[in-house]
PDB file of N, CA and C in Angstrom:
ATOM      1  N   MET A   1       0.839  -1.172   0.000  1.00  0.00           N
ATOM      2  CA  MET A   1       0.000   0.000   0.000  1.00  0.00           C
ATOM      3  C   MET A   1       0.892   1.246   0.000  1.00  0.00           C
ATOM      4  N   ILE A   2       0.511   2.238  -0.778  1.00  0.00           N
ATOM      5  CA  ILE A   2       1.279   3.478  -0.883  1.00  0.00           C
ATOM      6  C   ILE A   2       0.657   4.528   0.028  1.00  0.00           C
ATOM      7  N   TYR A   3       1.474   5.143   0.882  1.00  0.00           N
ATOM      8  CA  TYR A   3       0.966   6.144   1.800  1.00  0.00           C
ATOM      9  C   TYR A   3       1.384   7.558   1.438  1.00  0.00           C
ATOM     10  N   ALA A   4       2.200   7.730   0.423  1.00  0.00           N
ATOM     11  CA  ALA A   4       2.626   9.058  -0.010  1.00  0.00           C
ATOM     12  C   ALA A   4       1.509   9.695  -0.836  1.00  0.00           C
ATOM     13  N   THR A   5       1.383  11.016  -0.741  1.00  0.00           N
ATOM     14  CA  THR A   5       0.392  11.738  -1.528  1.00  0.00           C
ATOM     15  C   THR A   5       1.036  12.181  -2.830  1.00  0.00           C
ATOM     16  N   HIS A   6       0.428  11.801  -3.955  1.00  0.00           N
ATOM     17  CA  HIS A   6       0.922  12.198  -5.268  1.00  0.00           C
ATOM     18  C   HIS A   6       0.135  13.413  -5.733  1.00  0.00           C
ATOM     19  N   HIS A   7       0.836  14.529  -5.915  1.00  0.00           N
ATOM     20  CA  HIS A   7       0.201  15.784  -6.309  1.00  0.00           C
ATOM     21  C   HIS A   7       0.262  15.974  -7.822  1.00  0.00           C
ATOM     22  N   LEU A   8      -0.498  16.948  -8.295  1.00  0.00           N
ATOM     23  CA  LEU A   8      -0.560  17.290  -9.705  1.00  0.00           C
ATOM     24  C   LEU A   8       0.114  18.639  -9.910  1.00  0.00           C
ATOM     25  N   ALA A   9       1.099  18.684 -10.811  1.00  0.00           N
ATOM     26  CA  ALA A   9       1.819  19.920 -11.099  1.00  0.00           C
ATOM     27  C   ALA A   9       1.943  20.103 -12.601  1.00  0.00           C
ATOM     28  N   ILE A  10       2.064  21.339 -13.022  1.00  0.00           N
ATOM     29  CA  ILE A  10       2.323  21.657 -14.424  1.00  0.00           C
ATOM     30  C   ILE A  10       3.557  22.540 -14.489  1.00  0.00           C
ATOM     31  N   ALA A  11       4.208  22.520 -15.633  1.00  0.00           N
ATOM     32  CA  ALA A  11       5.390  23.354 -15.856  1.00  0.00           C
ATOM     33  C   ALA A  11       5.422  23.743 -17.328  1.00  0.00           C
ATOM     34  N   PRO A  12       5.991  24.897 -17.644  1.00  0.00           N
ATOM     35  CA  PRO A  12       6.101  25.289 -19.051  1.00  0.00           C
ATOM     36  C   PRO A  12       6.948  24.267 -19.816  1.00  0.00           C
ATOM     37  N   ARG A  13       6.555  23.960 -21.030  1.00  0.00           N
ATOM     38  CA  ARG A  13       7.308  22.966 -21.803  1.00  0.00           C
ATOM     39  C   ARG A  13       8.702  23.458 -22.160  1.00  0.00           C
ATOM     40  N   THR A  14       8.924  24.757 -22.109  1.00  0.00           N
ATOM     41  CA  THR A  14      10.240  25.329 -22.391  1.00  0.00           C
ATOM     42  C   THR A  14      11.113  25.382 -21.142  1.00  0.00           C
ATOM     43  N   GLY A  15      10.576  24.874 -20.028  1.00  0.00           N
ATOM     44  CA  GLY A  15      11.313  24.909 -18.775  1.00  0.00           C
ATOM     45  C   GLY A  15      10.800  26.027 -17.888  1.00  0.00           C
ATOM     46  N   GLY A  16      11.193  26.013 -16.669  1.00  0.00           N
ATOM     47  CA  GLY A  16      10.756  27.041 -15.742  1.00  0.00           C
ATOM     48  C   GLY A  16      10.127  26.438 -14.508  1.00  0.00           C
ATOM     49  N   GLU A  17       9.549  27.300 -13.717  1.00  0.00           N
ATOM     50  CA  GLU A  17       9.003  26.897 -12.430  1.00  0.00           C
ATOM     51  C   GLU A  17       7.713  26.099 -12.584  1.00  0.00           C
ATOM     52  N   GLN A  18       7.594  25.062 -11.770  1.00  0.00           N
ATOM     53  CA  GLN A  18       6.377  24.263 -11.765  1.00  0.00           C
ATOM     54  C   GLN A  18       5.320  24.917 -10.890  1.00  0.00           C
ATOM     55  N   LYS A  19       4.064  24.605 -11.182  1.00  0.00           N
ATOM     56  CA  LYS A  19       2.930  25.093 -10.397  1.00  0.00           C
ATOM     57  C   LYS A  19       2.170  23.866  -9.929  1.00  0.00           C
ATOM     58  N   VAL A  20       2.132  23.639  -8.611  1.00  0.00           N
ATOM     59  CA  VAL A  20       1.429  22.490  -8.050  1.00  0.00           C
ATOM     60  C   VAL A  20      -0.038  22.881  -7.884  1.00  0.00           C
ATOM     61  N   LEU A  21      -0.931  22.111  -8.503  1.00  0.00           N
ATOM     62  CA  LEU A  21      -2.351  22.436  -8.505  1.00  0.00           C
ATOM     63  C   LEU A  21      -3.147  21.727  -7.409  1.00  0.00           C
ATOM     64  N   SER A  22      -2.574  20.744  -6.768  1.00  0.00           N
ATOM     65  CA  SER A  22      -3.350  19.931  -5.827  1.00  0.00           C
ATOM     66  C   SER A  22      -2.816  19.961  -4.398  1.00  0.00           C
ATOM     67  N   LEU A  23      -2.156  21.028  -3.991  1.00  0.00           N
ATOM     68  CA  LEU A  23      -1.601  21.085  -2.638  1.00  0.00           C
ATOM     69  C   LEU A  23      -2.670  21.015  -1.553  1.00  0.00           C
ATOM     70  N   ALA A  24      -3.871  21.471  -1.847  1.00  0.00           N
ATOM     71  CA  ALA A  24      -4.948  21.450  -0.857  1.00  0.00           C
ATOM     72  C   ALA A  24      -5.510  20.041  -0.652  1.00  0.00           C
ATOM     73  N   PHE A  25      -5.167  19.084  -1.520  1.00  0.00           N
ATOM     74  CA  PHE A  25      -5.676  17.722  -1.414  1.00  0.00           C
ATOM     75  C   PHE A  25      -4.855  16.944  -0.394  1.00  0.00           C
ATOM     76  N   ASP A  26      -5.532  16.172   0.424  1.00  0.00           N
ATOM     77  CA  ASP A  26      -4.820  15.301   1.366  1.00  0.00           C
ATOM     78  C   ASP A  26      -4.748  13.865   0.850  1.00  0.00           C
ATOM     79  N   ARG A  27      -5.205  13.659  -0.381  1.00  0.00           N
ATOM     80  CA  ARG A  27      -5.152  12.353  -1.028  1.00  0.00           C
ATOM     81  C   ARG A  27      -4.507  12.508  -2.399  1.00  0.00           C
ATOM     82  N   SER A  28      -4.108  11.398  -2.969  1.00  0.00           N
ATOM     83  CA  SER A  28      -3.417  11.427  -4.262  1.00  0.00           C
ATOM     84  C   SER A  28      -4.350  11.743  -5.426  1.00  0.00           C
ATOM     85  N   VAL A  29      -3.760  12.298  -6.465  1.00  0.00           N
ATOM     86  CA  VAL A  29      -4.437  12.572  -7.728  1.00  0.00           C
ATOM     87  C   VAL A  29      -3.980  11.501  -8.713  1.00  0.00           C
ATOM     88  N   ARG A  30      -4.952  10.908  -9.445  1.00  0.00           N
ATOM     89  CA  ARG A  30      -4.607   9.832 -10.378  1.00  0.00           C
ATOM     90  C   ARG A  30      -5.241  10.082 -11.741  1.00  0.00           C
ATOM     91  N   ARG A  31      -4.630   9.541 -12.762  1.00  0.00           N
ATOM     92  CA  ARG A  31      -5.108   9.569 -14.149  1.00  0.00           C
ATOM     93  C   ARG A  31      -5.446  10.978 -14.646  1.00  0.00           C
ATOM     94  N   PRO A  32      -4.500  11.908 -14.553  1.00  0.00           N
ATOM     95  CA  PRO A  32      -4.781  13.274 -15.034  1.00  0.00           C
ATOM     96  C   PRO A  32      -4.887  13.339 -16.557  1.00  0.00           C
ATOM     97  N   ARG A  33      -5.799  14.212 -17.024  1.00  0.00           N
ATOM     98  CA  ARG A  33      -5.977  14.443 -18.463  1.00  0.00           C
ATOM     99  C   ARG A  33      -6.358  15.898 -18.685  1.00  0.00           C
ATOM    100  N   PHE A  34      -5.742  16.522 -19.668  1.00  0.00           N
ATOM    101  CA  PHE A  34      -6.099  17.897 -20.027  1.00  0.00           C
ATOM    102  C   PHE A  34      -7.475  17.932 -20.676  1.00  0.00           C
ATOM    103  N   SER A  35      -8.229  18.991 -20.402  1.00  0.00           N
ATOM    104  CA  SER A  35      -9.485  19.221 -21.109  1.00  0.00           C
ATOM    105  C   SER A  35      -9.163  19.592 -22.553  1.00  0.00           C
ATOM    106  N   ALA A  36     -10.158  19.506 -23.425  1.00  0.00           N
ATOM    107  CA  ALA A  36      -9.941  19.801 -24.851  1.00  0.00           C
ATOM    108  C   ALA A  36      -9.455  21.225 -25.077  1.00  0.00           C
ATOM    109  N   ASP A  37      -9.915  22.175 -24.247  1.00  0.00           N
ATOM    110  CA  ASP A  37      -9.501  23.570 -24.418  1.00  0.00           C
ATOM    111  C   ASP A  37      -8.204  23.901 -23.689  1.00  0.00           C
ATOM    112  N   GLY A  38      -7.659  22.960 -22.919  1.00  0.00           N
ATOM    113  CA  GLY A  38      -6.396  23.164 -22.222  1.00  0.00           C
ATOM    114  C   GLY A  38      -6.477  24.062 -21.006  1.00  0.00           C
ATOM    115  N   ARG A  39      -7.674  24.405 -20.577  1.00  0.00           N
ATOM    116  CA  ARG A  39      -7.835  25.328 -19.441  1.00  0.00           C
ATOM    117  C   ARG A  39      -7.961  24.628 -18.092  1.00  0.00           C
ATOM    118  N   SER A  40      -8.158  23.326 -18.121  1.00  0.00           N
ATOM    119  CA  SER A  40      -8.285  22.583 -16.871  1.00  0.00           C
ATOM    120  C   SER A  40      -7.746  21.169 -17.051  1.00  0.00           C
ATOM    121  N   ILE A  41      -7.580  20.499 -15.910  1.00  0.00           N
ATOM    122  CA  ILE A  41      -7.116  19.124 -15.897  1.00  0.00           C
ATOM    123  C   ILE A  41      -8.116  18.311 -15.088  1.00  0.00           C
ATOM    124  N   TYR A  42      -8.548  17.201 -15.658  1.00  0.00           N
ATOM    125  CA  TYR A  42      -9.432  16.275 -14.966  1.00  0.00           C
ATOM    126  C   TYR A  42      -8.567  15.193 -14.332  1.00  0.00           C
ATOM    127  N   SER A  43      -8.999  14.693 -13.197  1.00  0.00           N
ATOM    128  CA  SER A  43      -8.277  13.599 -12.557  1.00  0.00           C
ATOM    129  C   SER A  43      -9.197  12.893 -11.573  1.00  0.00           C
ATOM    130  N   LEU A  44      -8.780  11.708 -11.167  1.00  0.00           N
ATOM    131  CA  LEU A  44      -9.494  10.977 -10.133  1.00  0.00           C
ATOM    132  C   LEU A  44      -8.830  11.263  -8.797  1.00  0.00           C
ATOM    133  N   ARG A  45      -9.653  11.380  -7.763  1.00  0.00           N
ATOM    134  CA  ARG A  45      -9.156  11.640  -6.414  1.00  0.00           C
ATOM    135  C   ARG A  45      -9.920  10.762  -5.442  1.00  0.00           C
ATOM    136  N   THR A  46      -9.206   9.990  -4.658  1.00  0.00           N
ATOM    137  CA  THR A  46      -9.815   9.095  -3.691  1.00  0.00           C
ATOM    138  C   THR A  46     -10.121   9.849  -2.406  1.00  0.00           C
ATOM    139  N   THR A  47     -11.332   9.640  -1.883  1.00  0.00           N
ATOM    140  CA  THR A  47     -11.676  10.139  -0.557  1.00  0.00           C
ATOM    141  C   THR A  47     -11.877   8.925   0.343  1.00  0.00           C
ATOM    142  N   THR A  48     -12.431   9.116   1.491  1.00  0.00           N
ATOM    143  CA  THR A  48     -12.575   8.013   2.440  1.00  0.00           C
ATOM    144  C   THR A  48     -13.366   6.846   1.865  1.00  0.00           C
ATOM    145  N   ALA A  49     -14.494   7.134   1.189  1.00  0.00           N
ATOM    146  CA  ALA A  49     -15.338   6.032   0.719  1.00  0.00           C
ATOM    147  C   ALA A  49     -15.637   6.081  -0.774  1.00  0.00           C
ATOM    148  N   THR A  50     -15.108   7.062  -1.486  1.00  0.00           N
ATOM    149  CA  THR A  50     -15.440   7.207  -2.898  1.00  0.00           C
ATOM    150  C   THR A  50     -14.213   7.563  -3.727  1.00  0.00           C
ATOM    151  N   GLU A  51     -14.370   7.458  -5.022  1.00  0.00           N
ATOM    152  CA  GLU A  51     -13.356   7.886  -5.992  1.00  0.00           C
ATOM    153  C   GLU A  51     -14.044   8.944  -6.852  1.00  0.00           C
ATOM    154  N   ASN A  52     -13.626  10.192  -6.717  1.00  0.00           N
ATOM    155  CA  ASN A  52     -14.293  11.304  -7.393  1.00  0.00           C
ATOM    156  C   ASN A  52     -13.551  11.768  -8.629  1.00  0.00           C
ATOM    157  N   LEU A  53     -14.311  12.227  -9.610  1.00  0.00           N
ATOM    158  CA  LEU A  53     -13.725  12.885 -10.772  1.00  0.00           C
ATOM    159  C   LEU A  53     -13.680  14.372 -10.450  1.00  0.00           C
ATOM    160  N   CYS A  54     -12.501  14.960 -10.534  1.00  0.00           N
ATOM    161  CA  CYS A  54     -12.323  16.377 -10.240  1.00  0.00           C
ATOM    162  C   CYS A  54     -11.824  17.110 -11.477  1.00  0.00           C
ATOM    163  N   ARG A  55     -12.206  18.371 -11.562  1.00  0.00           N
ATOM    164  CA  ARG A  55     -11.705  19.257 -12.618  1.00  0.00           C
ATOM    165  C   ARG A  55     -10.979  20.390 -11.901  1.00  0.00           C
ATOM    166  N   ILE A  56      -9.706  20.588 -12.245  1.00  0.00           N
ATOM    167  CA  ILE A  56      -8.895  21.626 -11.618  1.00  0.00           C
ATOM    168  C   ILE A  56      -8.570  22.680 -12.672  1.00  0.00           C
ATOM    169  N   ALA A  57      -8.987  23.914 -12.412  1.00  0.00           N
ATOM    170  CA  ALA A  57      -8.695  25.015 -13.332  1.00  0.00           C
ATOM    171  C   ALA A  57      -7.210  25.342 -13.254  1.00  0.00           C
ATOM    172  N   ILE A  58      -6.561  25.428 -14.395  1.00  0.00           N
ATOM    173  CA  ILE A  58      -5.126  25.697 -14.420  1.00  0.00           C
ATOM    174  C   ILE A  58      -4.828  27.115 -13.951  1.00  0.00           C
ATOM    175  N   ALA A  59      -5.647  28.066 -14.355  1.00  0.00           N
ATOM    176  CA  ALA A  59      -5.387  29.469 -14.019  1.00  0.00           C
ATOM    177  C   ALA A  59      -5.521  29.751 -12.525  1.00  0.00           C
ATOM    178  N   GLY A  60      -6.625  29.369 -11.914  1.00  0.00           N
ATOM    179  CA  GLY A  60      -6.853  29.730 -10.520  1.00  0.00           C
ATOM    180  C   GLY A  60      -6.798  28.591  -9.538  1.00  0.00           C
ATOM    181  N   GLY A  61      -6.768  27.357 -10.030  1.00  0.00           N
ATOM    182  CA  GLY A  61      -6.702  26.202  -9.152  1.00  0.00           C
ATOM    183  C   GLY A  61      -8.038  25.779  -8.557  1.00  0.00           C
ATOM    184  N   GLU A  62      -9.151  26.397  -8.995  1.00  0.00           N
ATOM    185  CA  GLU A  62     -10.467  26.036  -8.473  1.00  0.00           C
ATOM    186  C   GLU A  62     -10.771  24.578  -8.813  1.00  0.00           C
ATOM    187  N   VAL A  63     -11.285  23.846  -7.815  1.00  0.00           N
ATOM    188  CA  VAL A  63     -11.607  22.436  -7.991  1.00  0.00           C
ATOM    189  C   VAL A  63     -13.126  22.271  -8.009  1.00  0.00           C
ATOM    190  N   THR A  64     -13.626  21.585  -9.031  1.00  0.00           N
ATOM    191  CA  THR A  64     -15.048  21.266  -9.121  1.00  0.00           C
ATOM    192  C   THR A  64     -15.203  19.780  -9.401  1.00  0.00           C
ATOM    193  N   ARG A  65     -16.406  19.276  -9.149  1.00  0.00           N
ATOM    194  CA  ARG A  65     -16.724  17.872  -9.435  1.00  0.00           C
ATOM    195  C   ARG A  65     -17.766  17.837 -10.545  1.00  0.00           C
ATOM    196  N   PRO A  66     -17.394  17.477 -11.765  1.00  0.00           N
ATOM    197  CA  PRO A  66     -18.342  17.424 -12.873  1.00  0.00           C
ATOM    198  C   PRO A  66     -19.441  16.384 -12.687  1.00  0.00           C
ATOM    199  N   ILE A  67     -19.178  15.345 -11.899  1.00  0.00           N
ATOM    200  CA  ILE A  67     -20.174  14.324 -11.589  1.00  0.00           C
ATOM    201  C   ILE A  67     -20.317  14.303 -10.070  1.00  0.00           C
ATOM    202  N   GLY A  68     -21.467  14.758  -9.578  1.00  0.00           N
ATOM    203  CA  GLY A  68     -21.672  14.847  -8.140  1.00  0.00           C
ATOM    204  C   GLY A  68     -22.310  13.596  -7.575  1.00  0.00           C
ATOM    205  N   GLY A  69     -22.458  13.589  -6.279  1.00  0.00           N
ATOM    206  CA  GLY A  69     -23.121  12.484  -5.602  1.00  0.00           C
ATOM    207  C   GLY A  69     -22.136  11.586  -4.882  1.00  0.00           C
ATOM    208  N   HIS A  70     -22.689  10.680  -4.096  1.00  0.00           N
ATOM    209  CA  HIS A  70     -21.891   9.724  -3.325  1.00  0.00           C
ATOM    210  C   HIS A  70     -21.665   8.493  -4.199  1.00  0.00           C
ATOM    211  N   LEU A  71     -20.617   8.542  -5.022  1.00  0.00           N
ATOM    212  CA  LEU A  71     -20.350   7.474  -5.976  1.00  0.00           C
ATOM    213  C   LEU A  71     -18.863   7.333  -6.197  1.00  0.00           C
ATOM    214  N   SER A  72     -18.499   6.292  -6.900  1.00  0.00           N
ATOM    215  CA  SER A  72     -17.099   6.064  -7.252  1.00  0.00           C
ATOM    216  C   SER A  72     -16.970   6.001  -8.763  1.00  0.00           C
ATOM    217  N   VAL A  73     -16.013   6.749  -9.290  1.00  0.00           N
ATOM    218  CA  VAL A  73     -15.727   6.762 -10.724  1.00  0.00           C
ATOM    219  C   VAL A  73     -14.511   5.857 -10.939  1.00  0.00           C
ATOM    220  N   SER A  74     -14.693   4.787 -11.711  1.00  0.00           N
ATOM    221  CA  SER A  74     -13.577   3.864 -11.920  1.00  0.00           C
ATOM    222  C   SER A  74     -12.773   4.197 -13.166  1.00  0.00           C
ATOM    223  N   SER A  75     -13.419   4.800 -14.170  1.00  0.00           N
ATOM    224  CA  SER A  75     -12.706   5.254 -15.358  1.00  0.00           C
ATOM    225  C   SER A  75     -13.519   6.360 -16.013  1.00  0.00           C
ATOM    226  N   TYR A  76     -12.855   7.147 -16.849  1.00  0.00           N
ATOM    227  CA  TYR A  76     -13.545   8.243 -17.523  1.00  0.00           C
ATOM    228  C   TYR A  76     -12.846   8.571 -18.829  1.00  0.00           C
ATOM    229  N   SER A  77     -13.585   9.266 -19.685  1.00  0.00           N
ATOM    230  CA  SER A  77     -13.064   9.697 -20.970  1.00  0.00           C
ATOM    231  C   SER A  77     -13.603  11.089 -21.252  1.00  0.00           C
ATOM    232  N   LEU A  78     -12.813  11.916 -21.936  1.00  0.00           N
ATOM    233  CA  LEU A  78     -13.216  13.287 -22.251  1.00  0.00           C
ATOM    234  C   LEU A  78     -13.420  13.447 -23.743  1.00  0.00           C
ATOM    235  N   GLY A  79     -14.503  14.110 -24.115  1.00  0.00           N
ATOM    236  CA  GLY A  79     -14.779  14.385 -25.513  1.00  0.00           C
ATOM    237  C   GLY A  79     -14.217  15.719 -25.941  1.00  0.00           C
ATOM    238  N   LYS A  80     -14.105  15.936 -27.230  1.00  0.00           N
ATOM    239  CA  LYS A  80     -13.593  17.205 -27.759  1.00  0.00           C
ATOM    240  C   LYS A  80     -14.524  18.370 -27.456  1.00  0.00           C
ATOM    241  N   ASP A  81     -15.792  18.068 -27.143  1.00  0.00           N
ATOM    242  CA  ASP A  81     -16.781  19.106 -26.847  1.00  0.00           C
ATOM    243  C   ASP A  81     -16.982  19.296 -25.347  1.00  0.00           C
ATOM    244  N   SER A  82     -16.046  18.846 -24.537  1.00  0.00           N
ATOM    245  CA  SER A  82     -16.080  18.923 -23.057  1.00  0.00           C
ATOM    246  C   SER A  82     -17.045  17.944 -22.421  1.00  0.00           C
ATOM    247  N   ALA A  83     -17.606  17.016 -23.187  1.00  0.00           N
ATOM    248  CA  ALA A  83     -18.469  15.984 -22.603  1.00  0.00           C
ATOM    249  C   ALA A  83     -17.612  14.987 -21.819  1.00  0.00           C
ATOM    250  N   VAL A  84     -18.189  14.410 -20.774  1.00  0.00           N
ATOM    251  CA  VAL A  84     -17.510  13.430 -19.950  1.00  0.00           C
ATOM    252  C   VAL A  84     -18.311  12.136 -19.979  1.00  0.00           C
ATOM    253  N   ALA A  85     -17.643  11.029 -20.264  1.00  0.00           N
ATOM    254  CA  ALA A  85     -18.239   9.705 -20.142  1.00  0.00           C
ATOM    255  C   ALA A  85     -17.503   9.010 -18.997  1.00  0.00           C
ATOM    256  N   ALA A  86     -18.271   8.409 -18.085  1.00  0.00           N
ATOM    257  CA  ALA A  86     -17.635   7.810 -16.924  1.00  0.00           C
ATOM    258  C   ALA A  86     -18.301   6.504 -16.549  1.00  0.00           C
ATOM    259  N   GLN A  87     -17.502   5.595 -16.045  1.00  0.00           N
ATOM    260  CA  GLN A  87     -18.022   4.357 -15.488  1.00  0.00           C
ATOM    261  C   GLN A  87     -18.116   4.583 -13.981  1.00  0.00           C
ATOM    262  N   ILE A  88     -19.335   4.528 -13.425  1.00  0.00           N
ATOM    263  CA  ILE A  88     -19.539   4.854 -12.018  1.00  0.00           C
ATOM    264  C   ILE A  88     -20.200   3.715 -11.269  1.00  0.00           C
ATOM    265  N   GLN A  89     -20.048   3.763  -9.957  1.00  0.00           N
ATOM    266  CA  GLN A  89     -20.697   2.829  -9.061  1.00  0.00           C
ATOM    267  C   GLN A  89     -21.181   3.639  -7.864  1.00  0.00           C
ATOM    268  N   HIS A  90     -22.425   3.443  -7.466  1.00  0.00           N
ATOM    269  CA  HIS A  90     -22.939   4.147  -6.284  1.00  0.00           C
ATOM    270  C   HIS A  90     -22.343   3.538  -5.036  1.00  0.00           C
ATOM    271  N   ALA A  91     -21.809   4.401  -4.201  1.00  0.00           N
ATOM    272  CA  ALA A  91     -21.127   3.940  -2.988  1.00  0.00           C
ATOM    273  C   ALA A  91     -22.104   3.657  -1.867  1.00  0.00           C
TER     274      ALA A  91
END
């Protein structure tokens, strides 16, 4: 079992300082994917009893949940039109 927290960071492709987007999370971020417009990153985040899909805005770091409720997201896919398809299970 892994007890370290894995955070999400971005850095300019030309080099430079990284920006950590998930410092406020006390759990790891998994399976990150850029949105089609490049303005946010989607990822899975485990909580005590669920696995949530989160969207993190790159500019301000605001975190939202595109799929709400007490459920677990096991996998997801992003469309070019910002649509989200997800395999979920009610917790």
